[in-house]
Amino acid sequence: MEESKGVRSSKKGSVISIELSTSEALVLFELLARINNLEKGIEFDDQAEERVLWDLEASFESLLVEILDPNYDKLLKAARNLVRDED
């Protein structure tokens, strides 16, 4: 698992790119999955907000082989430790 170097972003025309380390992506994926699976859900101002979250989660699912690893919980814990601010 690579060390978190902070999120980088760029804009070219109408396309915005956000670059994440694998650790950052795993942490964000887990958050999105929890939000998208909330039984009660969260209140969105518009369905488009929900659509964007679903699409982001689906994108991570197709990129992160780690989510299928039997040791996913350990990988997620390691990723959180790399991303978390130092005390």
N, C-alpha and C. Protein backbone atom coordinates (compact mmCIF):
# COMPACT_ATOMS: atom_id res chain seq x y z
N MET A 1 0.85 -1.17 0.00
CA MET A 1 0.00 0.00 0.00
C MET A 1 0.90 1.24 0.00
N GLU A 2 0.60 2.16 -0.91
CA GLU A 2 1.45 3.34 -1.00
C GLU A 2 1.04 4.41 -0.01
N GLU A 3 1.99 5.24 0.33
CA GLU A 3 1.75 6.30 1.29
C GLU A 3 0.88 7.39 0.67
N SER A 4 0.04 7.96 1.48
CA SER A 4 -0.81 9.06 1.04
C SER A 4 0.04 10.31 0.84
N LYS A 5 -0.11 10.94 -0.30
CA LYS A 5 0.65 12.16 -0.58
C LYS A 5 -0.26 13.36 -0.71
N GLY A 6 -1.53 13.18 -0.38
CA GLY A 6 -2.48 14.27 -0.50
C GLY A 6 -3.15 14.25 -1.86
N VAL A 7 -4.35 14.71 -1.88
CA VAL A 7 -5.14 14.73 -3.10
C VAL A 7 -4.61 15.83 -4.02
N ARG A 8 -4.47 15.48 -5.29
CA ARG A 8 -4.07 16.45 -6.30
C ARG A 8 -5.21 16.57 -7.31
N SER A 9 -5.37 17.73 -7.85
CA SER A 9 -6.45 17.92 -8.82
C SER A 9 -6.00 18.81 -9.95
N SER A 10 -6.71 18.70 -11.06
CA SER A 10 -6.43 19.55 -12.21
C SER A 10 -7.72 19.74 -13.00
N LYS A 11 -7.73 20.78 -13.82
CA LYS A 11 -8.90 21.06 -14.65
C LYS A 11 -8.42 21.35 -16.06
N LYS A 12 -9.03 20.63 -17.02
CA LYS A 12 -8.75 20.87 -18.44
C LYS A 12 -10.09 21.03 -19.13
N GLY A 13 -10.40 22.24 -19.50
CA GLY A 13 -11.70 22.50 -20.12
C GLY A 13 -12.80 22.24 -19.11
N SER A 14 -13.74 21.37 -19.46
CA SER A 14 -14.87 21.09 -18.57
C SER A 14 -14.66 19.79 -17.79
N VAL A 15 -13.44 19.23 -17.82
CA VAL A 15 -13.14 17.98 -17.12
C VAL A 15 -12.22 18.27 -15.94
N ILE A 16 -12.64 17.80 -14.77
CA ILE A 16 -11.83 17.93 -13.56
C ILE A 16 -11.31 16.55 -13.20
N SER A 17 -10.02 16.46 -12.98
CA SER A 17 -9.39 15.19 -12.59
C SER A 17 -8.90 15.31 -11.15
N ILE A 18 -9.16 14.25 -10.38
CA ILE A 18 -8.69 14.19 -9.00
C ILE A 18 -7.82 12.95 -8.89
N GLU A 19 -6.61 13.14 -8.41
CA GLU A 19 -5.66 12.05 -8.29
C GLU A 19 -5.53 11.65 -6.83
N LEU A 20 -5.78 10.36 -6.55
CA LEU A 20 -5.72 9.82 -5.20
C LEU A 20 -4.72 8.67 -5.17
N SER A 21 -4.09 8.49 -4.03
CA SER A 21 -3.30 7.27 -3.84
C SER A 21 -4.29 6.12 -3.65
N THR A 22 -3.81 4.90 -3.76
CA THR A 22 -4.67 3.74 -3.51
C THR A 22 -5.23 3.78 -2.10
N SER A 23 -4.43 4.20 -1.14
CA SER A 23 -4.89 4.30 0.24
C SER A 23 -6.04 5.29 0.37
N GLU A 24 -5.87 6.46 -0.23
CA GLU A 24 -6.94 7.47 -0.19
C GLU A 24 -8.20 6.96 -0.87
N ALA A 25 -8.02 6.27 -2.00
CA ALA A 25 -9.17 5.74 -2.72
C ALA A 25 -9.92 4.68 -1.90
N LEU A 26 -9.18 3.82 -1.20
CA LEU A 26 -9.83 2.80 -0.35
C LEU A 26 -10.63 3.45 0.77
N VAL A 27 -10.06 4.46 1.40
CA VAL A 27 -10.75 5.15 2.49
C VAL A 27 -12.02 5.83 1.95
N LEU A 28 -11.90 6.50 0.82
CA LEU A 28 -13.06 7.17 0.23
C LEU A 28 -14.10 6.17 -0.24
N PHE A 29 -13.67 5.06 -0.84
CA PHE A 29 -14.60 4.03 -1.27
C PHE A 29 -15.42 3.52 -0.09
N GLU A 30 -14.76 3.23 1.01
CA GLU A 30 -15.45 2.70 2.19
C GLU A 30 -16.49 3.70 2.70
N LEU A 31 -16.15 4.97 2.72
CA LEU A 31 -17.11 6.00 3.14
C LEU A 31 -18.30 6.05 2.19
N LEU A 32 -18.03 6.06 0.90
CA LEU A 32 -19.11 6.10 -0.09
C LEU A 32 -20.01 4.88 0.02
N ALA A 33 -19.41 3.71 0.20
CA ALA A 33 -20.20 2.48 0.32
C ALA A 33 -21.11 2.55 1.54
N ARG A 34 -20.59 3.07 2.66
CA ARG A 34 -21.42 3.19 3.87
C ARG A 34 -22.56 4.18 3.65
N ILE A 35 -22.27 5.31 3.03
CA ILE A 35 -23.31 6.31 2.75
C ILE A 35 -24.36 5.71 1.82
N ASN A 36 -23.93 5.05 0.76
CA ASN A 36 -24.87 4.50 -0.23
C ASN A 36 -25.67 3.33 0.32
N ASN A 37 -25.20 2.69 1.38
CA ASN A 37 -25.90 1.55 1.95
C ASN A 37 -26.68 1.87 3.22
N LEU A 38 -26.72 3.14 3.61
CA LEU A 38 -27.48 3.51 4.79
C LEU A 38 -28.94 3.14 4.59
N GLU A 39 -29.49 2.42 5.55
CA GLU A 39 -30.88 1.99 5.45
C GLU A 39 -31.82 3.19 5.37
N LYS A 40 -31.57 4.15 6.22
CA LYS A 40 -32.40 5.36 6.26
C LYS A 40 -31.96 6.36 5.18
N GLY A 41 -30.71 6.23 4.77
CA GLY A 41 -30.19 7.14 3.77
C GLY A 41 -29.88 8.51 4.34
N ILE A 42 -29.40 9.38 3.50
CA ILE A 42 -29.20 10.77 3.90
C ILE A 42 -30.09 11.61 3.01
N GLU A 43 -30.37 12.79 3.45
CA GLU A 43 -31.27 13.66 2.69
C GLU A 43 -30.46 14.43 1.64
N PHE A 44 -30.78 14.17 0.40
CA PHE A 44 -30.14 14.88 -0.71
C PHE A 44 -31.03 16.04 -1.12
N ASP A 45 -30.42 17.13 -1.54
CA ASP A 45 -31.20 18.24 -2.08
C ASP A 45 -31.73 17.91 -3.47
N ASP A 46 -30.99 17.05 -4.18
CA ASP A 46 -31.38 16.70 -5.53
C ASP A 46 -30.87 15.28 -5.81
N GLN A 47 -31.59 14.50 -6.61
CA GLN A 47 -31.19 13.13 -6.93
C GLN A 47 -29.84 13.09 -7.64
N ALA A 48 -29.45 14.18 -8.29
CA ALA A 48 -28.16 14.23 -8.98
C ALA A 48 -27.00 14.02 -7.99
N GLU A 49 -27.16 14.49 -6.76
CA GLU A 49 -26.12 14.30 -5.75
C GLU A 49 -25.95 12.81 -5.44
N GLU A 50 -27.07 12.12 -5.30
CA GLU A 50 -27.05 10.68 -5.05
C GLU A 50 -26.41 9.94 -6.23
N ARG A 51 -26.77 10.35 -7.45
CA ARG A 51 -26.23 9.73 -8.67
C ARG A 51 -24.71 9.84 -8.70
N VAL A 52 -24.18 11.02 -8.35
CA VAL A 52 -22.73 11.23 -8.37
C VAL A 52 -22.04 10.30 -7.37
N LEU A 53 -22.62 10.14 -6.19
CA LEU A 53 -22.04 9.24 -5.19
C LEU A 53 -22.07 7.79 -5.67
N TRP A 54 -23.19 7.36 -6.26
CA TRP A 54 -23.28 6.00 -6.82
C TRP A 54 -22.21 5.80 -7.89
N ASP A 55 -22.07 6.78 -8.77
CA ASP A 55 -21.10 6.65 -9.86
C ASP A 55 -19.67 6.60 -9.35
N LEU A 56 -19.36 7.42 -8.33
CA LEU A 56 -18.03 7.37 -7.74
C LEU A 56 -17.75 6.01 -7.12
N GLU A 57 -18.72 5.49 -6.37
CA GLU A 57 -18.54 4.17 -5.76
C GLU A 57 -18.32 3.11 -6.83
N ALA A 58 -19.10 3.15 -7.89
CA ALA A 58 -18.97 2.17 -8.98
C ALA A 58 -17.60 2.29 -9.66
N SER A 59 -17.11 3.50 -9.81
CA SER A 59 -15.78 3.70 -10.41
C SER A 59 -14.71 3.06 -9.55
N PHE A 60 -14.79 3.27 -8.24
CA PHE A 60 -13.81 2.66 -7.34
C PHE A 60 -13.91 1.14 -7.39
N GLU A 61 -15.13 0.62 -7.46
CA GLU A 61 -15.31 -0.84 -7.50
C GLU A 61 -14.60 -1.45 -8.70
N SER A 62 -14.58 -0.74 -9.81
CA SER A 62 -13.94 -1.29 -11.01
C SER A 62 -12.42 -1.11 -11.00
N LEU A 63 -11.91 -0.24 -10.13
CA LEU A 63 -10.47 0.04 -10.09
C LEU A 63 -9.73 -0.62 -8.93
N LEU A 64 -10.39 -0.82 -7.82
CA LEU A 64 -9.73 -1.28 -6.60
C LEU A 64 -9.88 -2.79 -6.42
N VAL A 65 -8.87 -3.52 -6.83
CA VAL A 65 -8.90 -4.98 -6.64
C VAL A 65 -8.87 -5.33 -5.16
N GLU A 66 -8.40 -4.42 -4.33
CA GLU A 66 -8.29 -4.65 -2.89
C GLU A 66 -9.64 -4.95 -2.24
N ILE A 67 -10.72 -4.43 -2.81
CA ILE A 67 -12.03 -4.63 -2.16
C ILE A 67 -12.49 -6.08 -2.25
N LEU A 68 -11.87 -6.86 -3.13
CA LEU A 68 -12.21 -8.28 -3.26
C LEU A 68 -11.25 -9.18 -2.47
N ASP A 69 -10.24 -8.58 -1.89
CA ASP A 69 -9.24 -9.34 -1.14
C ASP A 69 -9.85 -9.86 0.16
N PRO A 70 -9.60 -11.13 0.51
CA PRO A 70 -10.13 -11.67 1.76
C PRO A 70 -9.61 -10.91 2.99
N ASN A 71 -8.50 -10.21 2.84
CA ASN A 71 -7.94 -9.40 3.93
C ASN A 71 -8.30 -7.93 3.81
N TYR A 72 -9.45 -7.64 3.19
CA TYR A 72 -9.86 -6.26 2.95
C TYR A 72 -9.85 -5.42 4.23
N ASP A 73 -10.35 -5.96 5.33
CA ASP A 73 -10.40 -5.19 6.58
C ASP A 73 -9.00 -4.75 7.01
N LYS A 74 -8.02 -5.62 6.85
CA LYS A 74 -6.64 -5.27 7.20
C LYS A 74 -6.09 -4.23 6.24
N LEU A 75 -6.40 -4.39 4.96
CA LEU A 75 -5.94 -3.41 3.97
C LEU A 75 -6.55 -2.04 4.22
N LEU A 76 -7.84 -2.03 4.57
CA LEU A 76 -8.52 -0.76 4.87
C LEU A 76 -7.90 -0.12 6.11
N LYS A 77 -7.64 -0.90 7.12
CA LYS A 77 -7.03 -0.36 8.35
C LYS A 77 -5.67 0.25 8.04
N ALA A 78 -4.87 -0.45 7.23
CA ALA A 78 -3.56 0.06 6.84
C ALA A 78 -3.70 1.35 6.04
N ALA A 79 -4.68 1.39 5.14
CA ALA A 79 -4.91 2.59 4.33
C ALA A 79 -5.30 3.77 5.22
N ARG A 80 -6.20 3.53 6.16
CA ARG A 80 -6.61 4.60 7.08
C ARG A 80 -5.42 5.12 7.88
N ASN A 81 -4.54 4.22 8.30
CA ASN A 81 -3.36 4.64 9.05
C ASN A 81 -2.43 5.50 8.21
N LEU A 82 -2.33 5.20 6.93
CA LEU A 82 -1.49 6.01 6.04
C LEU A 82 -2.08 7.38 5.76
N VAL A 83 -3.40 7.44 5.70
CA VAL A 83 -4.07 8.71 5.32
C VAL A 83 -4.29 9.62 6.53
N ARG A 84 -4.54 9.01 7.67
CA ARG A 84 -4.88 9.75 8.88
C ARG A 84 -3.80 10.79 9.23
N ASP A 85 -4.24 11.93 9.75
CA ASP A 85 -3.31 12.94 10.24
C ASP A 85 -2.53 12.38 11.42
N GLU A 86 -1.28 12.79 11.52
CA GLU A 86 -0.48 12.39 12.68
C GLU A 86 -0.93 13.20 13.88
N ASP A 87 -0.84 12.58 15.05
CA ASP A 87 -1.25 13.28 16.28
C ASP A 87 -0.35 14.41 16.61
